[in-house]
Amino acid sequence: MSGKTSCLVTKLSHYVTLSDADRERLARLERTERNFDAGQEVYQGGDENRDLYVVKHGWAFSYTDLPDGRRQIVKIHHPGDVIGFPDVAGRCRISGPRNGGLDPWKGSP
């Protein structure tokens, strides 16, 4: 594995013991970083989203627009968090990370 530790590995290691093979597989999921500008939407609820993302650095948030025009933040995403599960996000939108980047997961490692 490279000298830099995967943020997903770091986060999951707090909860479970990972083998070297597990660490390698998880690190491969983070091999391609995609940067988003602050406030740029990663996707909107209802969009066809083919990727899952892991927050590599910085932070992002999920939000929904309320009928009266206000925005409600429903989740803050920190490094190591996985975002993009349509059944979890529902009709929420994901706003780009603040001072950070996301790794898209395209298919299996």
C-alpha atoms as a PDB file:
ATOM      1  CA  MET A   1       0.000   0.000   0.000  1.00  0.00           C
ATOM      2  CA  SER A   2       1.220   3.556  -0.596  1.00  0.00           C
ATOM      3  CA  GLY A   3       2.789   5.635   2.170  1.00  0.00           C
ATOM      4  CA  LYS A   4      -0.396   7.678   2.563  1.00  0.00           C
ATOM      5  CA  THR A   5      -3.158   5.999   4.561  1.00  0.00           C
ATOM      6  CA  SER A   6      -6.633   5.828   3.070  1.00  0.00           C
ATOM      7  CA  CYS A   7      -9.094   8.012   4.992  1.00  0.00           C
ATOM      8  CA  LEU A   8     -11.700   5.261   4.582  1.00  0.00           C
ATOM      9  CA  VAL A   9      -9.299   2.724   6.086  1.00  0.00           C
ATOM     10  CA  THR A  10      -8.538   5.112   8.937  1.00  0.00           C
ATOM     11  CA  LYS A  11     -12.237   5.629   9.682  1.00  0.00           C
ATOM     12  CA  LEU A  12     -13.216   1.954   9.461  1.00  0.00           C
ATOM     13  CA  SER A  13     -10.219   0.920  11.577  1.00  0.00           C
ATOM     14  CA  HIS A  14     -11.849   2.655  14.533  1.00  0.00           C
ATOM     15  CA  TYR A  15     -14.681   0.109  14.398  1.00  0.00           C
ATOM     16  CA  VAL A  16     -13.243  -3.135  12.976  1.00  0.00           C
ATOM     17  CA  THR A  17      -9.905  -4.852  12.569  1.00  0.00           C
ATOM     18  CA  LEU A  18      -8.870  -4.782   8.920  1.00  0.00           C
ATOM     19  CA  SER A  19      -6.487  -7.252   7.347  1.00  0.00           C
ATOM     20  CA  ASP A  20      -3.759  -6.029   4.992  1.00  0.00           C
ATOM     21  CA  ALA A  21      -5.835  -7.358   2.077  1.00  0.00           C
ATOM     22  CA  ASP A  22      -8.880  -5.387   3.318  1.00  0.00           C
ATOM     23  CA  ARG A  23      -6.762  -2.240   3.583  1.00  0.00           C
ATOM     24  CA  GLU A  24      -5.465  -2.717   0.029  1.00  0.00           C
ATOM     25  CA  ARG A  25      -8.979  -3.224  -1.388  1.00  0.00           C
ATOM     26  CA  LEU A  26     -10.323  -0.151   0.386  1.00  0.00           C
ATOM     27  CA  ALA A  27      -7.343   1.966  -0.666  1.00  0.00           C
ATOM     28  CA  ARG A  28      -7.977   1.005  -4.314  1.00  0.00           C
ATOM     29  CA  LEU A  29     -11.437   2.583  -4.009  1.00  0.00           C
ATOM     30  CA  GLU A  30      -9.735   5.912  -3.345  1.00  0.00           C
ATOM     31  CA  ARG A  31      -7.284   5.878  -6.221  1.00  0.00           C
ATOM     32  CA  THR A  32      -9.001   8.601  -8.302  1.00  0.00           C
ATOM     33  CA  GLU A  33      -9.735  11.960  -6.712  1.00  0.00           C
ATOM     34  CA  ARG A  34     -12.292  14.348  -8.165  1.00  0.00           C
ATOM     35  CA  ASN A  35     -12.356  17.890  -6.820  1.00  0.00           C
ATOM     36  CA  PHE A  36     -15.521  19.945  -6.523  1.00  0.00           C
ATOM     37  CA  ASP A  37     -15.750  23.676  -5.972  1.00  0.00           C
ATOM     38  CA  ALA A  38     -17.347  24.868  -2.741  1.00  0.00           C
ATOM     39  CA  GLY A  39     -21.108  24.901  -3.285  1.00  0.00           C
ATOM     40  CA  GLN A  40     -20.959  22.821  -6.470  1.00  0.00           C
ATOM     41  CA  GLU A  41     -23.564  20.061  -6.381  1.00  0.00           C
ATOM     42  CA  VAL A  42     -22.240  16.545  -6.675  1.00  0.00           C
ATOM     43  CA  TYR A  43     -25.702  15.272  -7.567  1.00  0.00           C
ATOM     44  CA  GLN A  44     -29.364  15.923  -6.834  1.00  0.00           C
ATOM     45  CA  GLY A  45     -31.927  13.485  -5.497  1.00  0.00           C
ATOM     46  CA  GLY A  46     -33.683  11.895  -8.455  1.00  0.00           C
ATOM     47  CA  ASP A  47     -30.576  12.153 -10.671  1.00  0.00           C
ATOM     48  CA  GLU A  48     -29.091   8.938 -11.967  1.00  0.00           C
ATOM     49  CA  ASN A  49     -26.005   8.598  -9.818  1.00  0.00           C
ATOM     50  CA  ARG A  50     -23.696   5.760 -10.823  1.00  0.00           C
ATOM     51  CA  ASP A  51     -20.938   6.531  -8.344  1.00  0.00           C
ATOM     52  CA  LEU A  52     -20.411   6.411  -4.627  1.00  0.00           C
ATOM     53  CA  TYR A  53     -17.948   8.878  -3.163  1.00  0.00           C
ATOM     54  CA  VAL A  54     -15.677   8.880  -0.165  1.00  0.00           C
ATOM     55  CA  VAL A  55     -14.810  12.261   1.296  1.00  0.00           C
ATOM     56  CA  LYS A  56     -11.027  12.339   1.140  1.00  0.00           C
ATOM     57  CA  HIS A  57     -10.425  15.716   2.788  1.00  0.00           C
ATOM     58  CA  GLY A  58     -12.525  18.740   3.631  1.00  0.00           C
ATOM     59  CA  TRP A  59     -16.242  18.240   4.164  1.00  0.00           C
ATOM     60  CA  ALA A  60     -19.527  18.187   2.260  1.00  0.00           C
ATOM     61  CA  PHE A  61     -23.186  18.232   3.228  1.00  0.00           C
ATOM     62  CA  SER A  62     -26.519  16.757   2.170  1.00  0.00           C
ATOM     63  CA  TYR A  63     -29.468  19.092   2.126  1.00  0.00           C
ATOM     64  CA  THR A  64     -33.055  19.387   1.054  1.00  0.00           C
ATOM     65  CA  ASP A  65     -34.988  22.453  -0.065  1.00  0.00           C
ATOM     66  CA  LEU A  66     -38.039  23.191   2.071  1.00  0.00           C
ATOM     67  CA  PRO A  67     -41.352  24.337   0.555  1.00  0.00           C
ATOM     68  CA  ASP A  68     -40.849  27.850   1.942  1.00  0.00           C
ATOM     69  CA  GLY A  69     -37.505  28.188   0.110  1.00  0.00           C
ATOM     70  CA  ARG A  70     -35.210  27.525   3.051  1.00  0.00           C
ATOM     71  CA  ARG A  71     -32.487  24.886   2.927  1.00  0.00           C
ATOM     72  CA  GLN A  72     -32.268  22.176   5.582  1.00  0.00           C
ATOM     73  CA  ILE A  73     -28.899  20.498   6.127  1.00  0.00           C
ATOM     74  CA  VAL A  74     -29.591  16.831   6.816  1.00  0.00           C
ATOM     75  CA  LYS A  75     -26.045  15.462   7.085  1.00  0.00           C
ATOM     76  CA  ILE A  76     -22.490  16.713   7.280  1.00  0.00           C
ATOM     77  CA  HIS A  77     -19.954  14.414   5.585  1.00  0.00           C
ATOM     78  CA  HIS A  78     -16.409  14.220   6.992  1.00  0.00           C
ATOM     79  CA  PRO A  79     -13.251  12.524   5.671  1.00  0.00           C
ATOM     80  CA  GLY A  80     -13.824   8.791   5.354  1.00  0.00           C
ATOM     81  CA  ASP A  81     -17.610   9.146   4.999  1.00  0.00           C
ATOM     82  CA  VAL A  82     -19.210   7.429   2.016  1.00  0.00           C
ATOM     83  CA  ILE A  83     -21.848   9.434   0.152  1.00  0.00           C
ATOM     84  CA  GLY A  84     -24.080   8.677  -2.798  1.00  0.00           C
ATOM     85  CA  PHE A  85     -26.322   5.888  -1.584  1.00  0.00           C
ATOM     86  CA  PRO A  86     -29.651   6.773  -3.242  1.00  0.00           C
ATOM     87  CA  ASP A  87     -31.698   4.885  -0.659  1.00  0.00           C
ATOM     88  CA  VAL A  88     -30.062   6.927   2.126  1.00  0.00           C
ATOM     89  CA  ALA A  89     -29.982  10.315   0.413  1.00  0.00           C
ATOM     90  CA  GLY A  90     -33.534  10.116  -0.917  1.00  0.00           C
ATOM     91  CA  ARG A  91     -34.442  13.467  -2.442  1.00  0.00           C
ATOM     92  CA  CYS A  92     -31.489  15.262  -0.876  1.00  0.00           C
ATOM     93  CA  ARG A  93     -28.773  17.057  -2.755  1.00  0.00           C
ATOM     94  CA  ILE A  94     -25.092  16.760  -2.004  1.00  0.00           C
ATOM     95  CA  SER A  95     -23.097  19.960  -2.080  1.00  0.00           C
ATOM     96  CA  GLY A  96     -19.414  19.892  -2.967  1.00  0.00           C
ATOM     97  CA  PRO A  97     -16.842  19.695  -0.220  1.00  0.00           C
ATOM     98  CA  ARG A  98     -15.460  22.726   1.513  1.00  0.00           C
ATOM     99  CA  ASN A  99     -11.696  22.742   1.055  1.00  0.00           C
ATOM    100  CA  GLY A 100     -11.690  19.147  -0.062  1.00  0.00           C
ATOM    101  CA  GLY A 101     -11.985  16.399  -2.606  1.00  0.00           C
ATOM    102  CA  LEU A 102     -14.043  13.294  -3.212  1.00  0.00           C
ATOM    103  CA  ASP A 103     -13.013   9.944  -4.615  1.00  0.00           C
ATOM    104  CA  PRO A 104     -15.599   8.486  -7.004  1.00  0.00           C
ATOM    105  CA  TRP A 105     -16.028   4.714  -6.884  1.00  0.00           C
ATOM    106  CA  LYS A 106     -16.791   3.467 -10.349  1.00  0.00           C
ATOM    107  CA  GLY A 107     -17.769  -0.175 -10.127  1.00  0.00           C
ATOM    108  CA  SER A 108     -15.857  -2.688  -8.080  1.00  0.00           C
ATOM    109  CA  PRO A 109     -12.154  -2.340  -7.268  1.00  0.00           C
END
